[in-house]
Amino acid sequence: MADPKIIIDNVSRTYRTGSVAVPALKGVSFTVADGEYIAIMGRSGSGKSTLMNVLGCLDHDYEGRYTLDGVRVDGMSRRQLADIRNRMIGFVFQQFNLLPRTSAVENVELPLLYDRSGRKRKKPRVRAMEALERVGLGERSHHQTTQLSGGEQQRVAIARALVNEPSILLADEPTGNLDTKTSFEVMALFRELNEQGMTIVIVTHETDIALHALRVIEVRDGLIRTDRPVEGARSSLEGIVAQAGAPRQAPR
């Protein structure tokens, strides 16, 4: 059996303000298999965003062990963590974080400016176009972000997360700024990416969004309260999109 993609072992994180210590995570442990699709749920202040920062190698001031794709990353330097993020992890946030007055394809190209892997790859513009086509936005590639709908902007953000070909996609409240119909379209896209083999972790406080994943981890007061598979999670992708009342836009 292959090793898990992610191993979180007894991880704790405490924030300090002067002499006041505020524990955000209290010894959490879980694993994520390669190709798994999980949702981390919790209310504001539950510790779910702190956990996402640990998973994304954005926070290194924690205790415990974190093994990513067979490599211990706890204790790595900031530079080493930045390299891990660039090579292995794609990020999608609630705020799209796109540059205004800049085309979709130019926004998707941005991560390629930091690619120091030395791997021989296609030209940045070609890779960016392929990423946009993968999320169904090839025909909108030269539109400025201000000319795109909220759902289209989030798709651009997803394409940007995919352009470096990461093996893990981390999404923090990815539907928080979207209406219901568009939220379901984005979640259908995540399901297709997962079916193509990508490991996906989303953080959300919305139950209906979490139930699109295959497994839900509930975080409360810095602890994992429940960790369960989603009943009926293998329902068809067409059924998910039908809930949005929208035609399927399948990534290639």
Protein backbone atom coordinates (compact mmCIF):
# COMPACT_ATOMS: atom_id res chain seq x y z
CA MET A 1 0.00 0.00 0.00
CA ALA A 2 1.29 3.46 -0.89
CA ASP A 3 2.21 5.87 1.88
CA PRO A 4 -0.34 8.61 2.66
CA LYS A 5 0.08 11.89 0.81
CA ILE A 6 -0.26 13.84 4.06
CA ILE A 7 0.47 12.75 7.63
CA ILE A 8 -0.36 15.19 10.44
CA ASP A 9 0.88 13.75 13.73
CA ASN A 10 0.07 15.43 17.06
CA VAL A 11 0.30 18.97 15.65
CA SER A 12 -0.28 21.87 18.04
CA ARG A 13 -0.19 25.60 17.32
CA THR A 14 -0.34 28.37 19.92
CA TYR A 15 -0.51 32.08 19.19
CA ARG A 16 0.94 34.51 21.72
CA THR A 17 -0.01 38.13 22.34
CA GLY A 18 2.26 39.44 25.03
CA SER A 19 1.84 37.11 27.96
CA VAL A 20 -1.42 35.65 26.67
CA ALA A 21 -1.26 32.24 24.96
CA VAL A 22 -4.13 31.23 22.68
CA PRO A 23 -4.07 27.59 21.54
CA ALA A 24 -5.42 27.20 18.00
CA LEU A 25 -4.59 23.51 17.47
CA LYS A 26 -4.31 21.00 20.30
CA GLY A 27 -2.53 17.90 19.12
CA VAL A 28 -4.45 17.00 15.97
CA SER A 29 -3.59 13.88 13.97
CA PHE A 30 -4.92 12.52 10.67
CA THR A 31 -3.77 11.27 7.27
CA VAL A 32 -4.82 12.03 3.71
CA ALA A 33 -4.38 9.37 1.04
CA ASP A 34 -2.96 10.19 -2.37
CA GLY A 35 -5.89 11.21 -4.58
CA GLU A 36 -8.29 11.73 -1.68
CA TYR A 37 -10.78 14.62 -1.52
CA ILE A 38 -11.49 15.92 1.98
CA ALA A 39 -13.27 18.89 3.51
CA ILE A 40 -12.22 20.48 6.80
CA MET A 41 -15.21 22.06 8.52
CA GLY A 42 -15.50 24.35 11.50
CA ARG A 43 -16.85 27.63 12.77
CA SER A 44 -14.81 30.81 12.95
CA GLY A 45 -12.09 30.35 15.55
CA SER A 46 -12.27 26.55 15.45
CA GLY A 47 -8.69 26.16 14.19
CA LYS A 48 -9.52 25.11 10.63
CA SER A 49 -7.71 28.04 8.99
CA THR A 50 -4.64 27.45 11.17
CA LEU A 51 -4.70 23.83 10.09
CA MET A 52 -4.89 24.91 6.44
CA ASN A 53 -1.86 27.17 6.94
CA VAL A 54 0.09 24.22 8.33
CA LEU A 55 -0.98 21.95 5.46
CA GLY A 56 0.01 24.63 2.94
CA CYS A 57 3.48 25.10 4.48
CA LEU A 58 2.56 28.72 5.21
CA ASP A 59 3.07 28.30 8.96
CA HIS A 60 6.11 26.64 10.52
CA ASP A 61 5.72 27.74 14.16
CA TYR A 62 3.92 24.61 15.30
CA GLU A 63 4.78 21.51 17.29
CA GLY A 64 4.37 17.98 16.02
CA ARG A 65 5.17 16.17 12.80
CA TYR A 66 4.05 16.92 9.27
CA THR A 67 5.03 14.51 6.51
CA LEU A 68 4.18 15.51 2.95
CA ASP A 69 4.58 12.97 0.16
CA GLY A 70 7.00 10.96 2.31
CA VAL A 71 9.14 13.96 3.34
CA ARG A 72 9.20 15.55 6.81
CA VAL A 73 8.51 19.24 6.33
CA ASP A 74 8.24 20.32 9.95
CA GLY A 75 11.51 22.03 10.83
CA MET A 76 12.24 23.09 7.25
CA SER A 77 13.48 26.61 6.59
CA ARG A 78 11.24 29.27 5.05
CA ARG A 79 13.09 28.89 1.77
CA GLN A 80 12.62 25.13 1.73
CA LEU A 81 8.91 25.53 2.52
CA ALA A 82 8.55 28.07 -0.30
CA ASP A 83 10.06 25.53 -2.68
CA ILE A 84 7.64 22.85 -1.48
CA ARG A 85 4.70 25.21 -2.01
CA ASN A 86 5.84 26.13 -5.51
CA ARG A 87 6.40 22.55 -6.63
CA MET A 88 3.65 20.60 -4.91
CA ILE A 89 0.76 22.77 -3.75
CA GLY A 90 -1.83 24.87 -5.54
CA PHE A 91 -3.85 27.40 -3.53
CA VAL A 92 -7.39 28.72 -4.07
CA PHE A 93 -8.78 31.37 -1.72
CA GLN A 94 -12.13 33.01 -1.02
CA GLN A 95 -10.74 36.28 -2.34
CA PHE A 96 -9.69 35.63 -5.93
CA ASN A 97 -6.51 37.73 -5.54
CA LEU A 98 -6.35 38.50 -9.25
CA LEU A 99 -4.56 41.52 -10.68
CA PRO A 100 -7.04 44.08 -12.04
CA ARG A 101 -6.71 45.49 -15.57
CA THR A 102 -4.75 42.33 -16.42
CA SER A 103 -5.91 39.49 -18.64
CA ALA A 104 -6.89 36.09 -17.36
CA VAL A 105 -3.95 34.40 -19.06
CA GLU A 106 -1.48 36.92 -17.60
CA ASN A 107 -2.85 36.24 -14.11
CA VAL A 108 -2.44 32.50 -14.62
CA GLU A 109 1.16 32.98 -15.78
CA LEU A 110 2.21 34.69 -12.52
CA PRO A 111 3.32 31.57 -10.56
CA LEU A 112 5.59 30.60 -13.44
CA LEU A 113 7.75 33.63 -12.68
CA TYR A 114 8.83 31.84 -9.48
CA ASP A 115 9.43 28.44 -11.01
CA ARG A 116 13.04 27.58 -10.21
CA SER A 117 12.69 23.83 -10.64
CA GLY A 118 14.82 23.72 -13.76
CA ARG A 119 12.44 21.20 -15.34
CA LYS A 120 12.06 21.50 -19.08
CA ARG A 121 8.53 22.63 -19.73
CA LYS A 122 6.40 24.34 -22.31
CA LYS A 123 6.49 28.12 -22.60
CA PRO A 124 4.61 29.98 -19.83
CA ARG A 125 1.91 31.30 -22.17
CA VAL A 126 1.23 27.83 -23.53
CA ARG A 127 1.00 26.37 -20.02
CA ALA A 128 -1.28 29.19 -18.87
CA MET A 129 -3.60 28.67 -21.83
CA GLU A 130 -3.75 24.95 -21.18
CA ALA A 131 -4.68 25.61 -17.53
CA LEU A 132 -7.47 27.99 -18.59
CA GLU A 133 -8.79 25.48 -21.08
CA ARG A 134 -8.74 22.87 -18.34
CA VAL A 135 -11.22 24.96 -16.31
CA GLY A 136 -13.34 25.84 -19.33
CA LEU A 137 -12.12 29.41 -19.86
CA GLY A 138 -9.98 29.12 -22.96
CA GLU A 139 -12.23 31.50 -24.89
CA ARG A 140 -12.04 34.13 -22.13
CA SER A 141 -8.26 34.05 -21.75
CA HIS A 142 -7.63 37.59 -23.03
CA HIS A 143 -10.44 39.26 -21.11
CA GLN A 144 -9.41 41.48 -18.22
CA THR A 145 -10.48 40.20 -14.82
CA THR A 146 -12.90 43.12 -14.43
CA GLN A 147 -14.76 41.78 -17.48
CA LEU A 148 -15.31 38.37 -15.89
CA SER A 149 -18.09 37.18 -13.59
CA GLY A 150 -17.34 36.05 -10.05
CA GLY A 151 -17.48 32.41 -11.08
CA GLU A 152 -15.16 33.05 -14.01
CA GLN A 153 -12.71 34.89 -11.76
CA GLN A 154 -12.64 31.93 -9.39
CA ARG A 155 -11.98 29.64 -12.35
CA VAL A 156 -9.05 31.85 -13.32
CA ALA A 157 -7.79 31.53 -9.74
CA ILE A 158 -8.13 27.74 -9.97
CA ALA A 159 -6.26 27.73 -13.30
CA ARG A 160 -3.49 29.75 -11.65
CA ALA A 161 -3.32 27.16 -8.87
CA LEU A 162 -3.02 24.38 -11.45
CA VAL A 163 -0.48 25.94 -13.80
CA ASN A 164 2.56 24.54 -11.97
CA GLU A 165 1.03 21.06 -12.07
CA PRO A 166 0.78 20.56 -8.28
CA SER A 167 -0.19 17.22 -6.82
CA ILE A 168 -2.25 18.84 -4.03
CA LEU A 169 -4.92 21.55 -4.28
CA LEU A 170 -5.77 23.47 -1.09
CA ALA A 171 -8.89 25.64 -1.19
CA ASP A 172 -9.85 28.01 1.65
CA GLU A 173 -13.58 28.92 1.51
CA PRO A 174 -13.47 28.74 -2.31
CA THR A 175 -17.19 29.49 -2.73
CA GLY A 176 -17.48 32.19 -0.07
CA ASN A 177 -17.96 35.00 -2.60
CA LEU A 178 -20.10 33.05 -5.07
CA ASP A 179 -23.84 32.53 -5.49
CA THR A 180 -25.37 29.08 -5.07
CA LYS A 181 -25.42 28.14 -8.75
CA THR A 182 -21.82 29.21 -9.34
CA SER A 183 -20.71 27.51 -6.11
CA PHE A 184 -22.02 24.18 -7.37
CA GLU A 185 -20.25 24.68 -10.70
CA VAL A 186 -16.93 25.28 -8.90
CA MET A 187 -17.47 22.23 -6.69
CA ALA A 188 -18.22 20.14 -9.80
CA LEU A 189 -14.90 21.29 -11.21
CA PHE A 190 -13.12 20.23 -8.01
CA ARG A 191 -14.77 16.82 -8.25
CA GLU A 192 -13.52 16.36 -11.81
CA LEU A 193 -10.00 17.39 -10.82
CA ASN A 194 -10.13 14.83 -8.03
CA GLU A 195 -11.37 12.16 -10.41
CA GLN A 196 -8.33 12.95 -12.55
CA GLY A 197 -6.14 12.00 -9.57
CA MET A 198 -5.52 15.29 -7.73
CA THR A 199 -5.49 15.33 -3.93
CA ILE A 200 -7.86 18.07 -2.77
CA VAL A 201 -8.40 19.62 0.66
CA ILE A 202 -11.02 22.34 1.08
CA VAL A 203 -11.78 24.40 4.18
CA THR A 204 -15.36 25.56 4.58
CA HIS A 205 -17.98 26.37 7.19
CA GLU A 206 -20.82 25.43 4.81
CA THR A 207 -22.21 21.92 5.21
CA ASP A 208 -23.62 21.71 1.68
CA ILE A 209 -20.19 22.56 0.25
CA ALA A 210 -18.35 20.10 2.50
CA LEU A 211 -20.63 17.27 1.38
CA HIS A 212 -19.22 17.45 -2.14
CA ALA A 213 -16.00 15.97 -0.75
CA LEU A 214 -15.52 12.27 -0.06
CA ARG A 215 -14.62 12.75 3.61
CA VAL A 216 -15.31 15.47 6.18
CA ILE A 217 -13.11 16.37 9.14
CA GLU A 218 -14.83 18.62 11.69
CA VAL A 219 -12.56 20.85 13.79
CA ARG A 220 -13.84 22.45 17.00
CA ASP A 221 -11.85 24.26 19.68
CA GLY A 222 -8.57 23.17 18.10
CA LEU A 223 -9.45 19.47 18.13
CA ILE A 224 -10.77 17.03 15.55
CA ARG A 225 -14.27 16.16 16.72
CA THR A 226 -15.36 13.94 13.84
CA ASP A 227 -13.68 12.37 10.82
CA ARG A 228 -16.10 10.53 8.58
CA PRO A 229 -16.71 9.55 4.96
CA VAL A 230 -19.51 11.33 3.14
CA GLU A 231 -22.51 9.07 2.61
CA GLY A 232 -23.23 8.68 -1.09
CA ALA A 233 -20.12 10.65 -2.02
CA ARG A 234 -19.63 8.58 -5.18
CA SER A 235 -22.79 10.00 -6.75
CA SER A 236 -22.40 11.03 -10.36
CA LEU A 237 -20.83 14.33 -11.35
CA GLU A 238 -23.85 15.01 -13.54
CA GLY A 239 -26.03 14.92 -10.43
CA ILE A 240 -23.84 17.51 -8.70
CA VAL A 241 -24.01 19.91 -11.63
CA ALA A 242 -27.75 19.35 -11.96
CA GLN A 243 -28.22 20.81 -8.48
CA ALA A 244 -26.89 24.08 -9.87
CA GLY A 245 -29.24 23.96 -12.83
CA ALA A 246 -26.27 24.50 -15.15
CA PRO A 247 -24.84 22.68 -18.15
CA ARG A 248 -21.69 20.68 -17.56
CA GLN A 249 -18.43 22.42 -18.39
CA ALA A 250 -15.90 19.65 -18.17
CA PRO A 251 -12.20 20.45 -17.84
CA ARG A 252 -10.01 18.58 -20.23
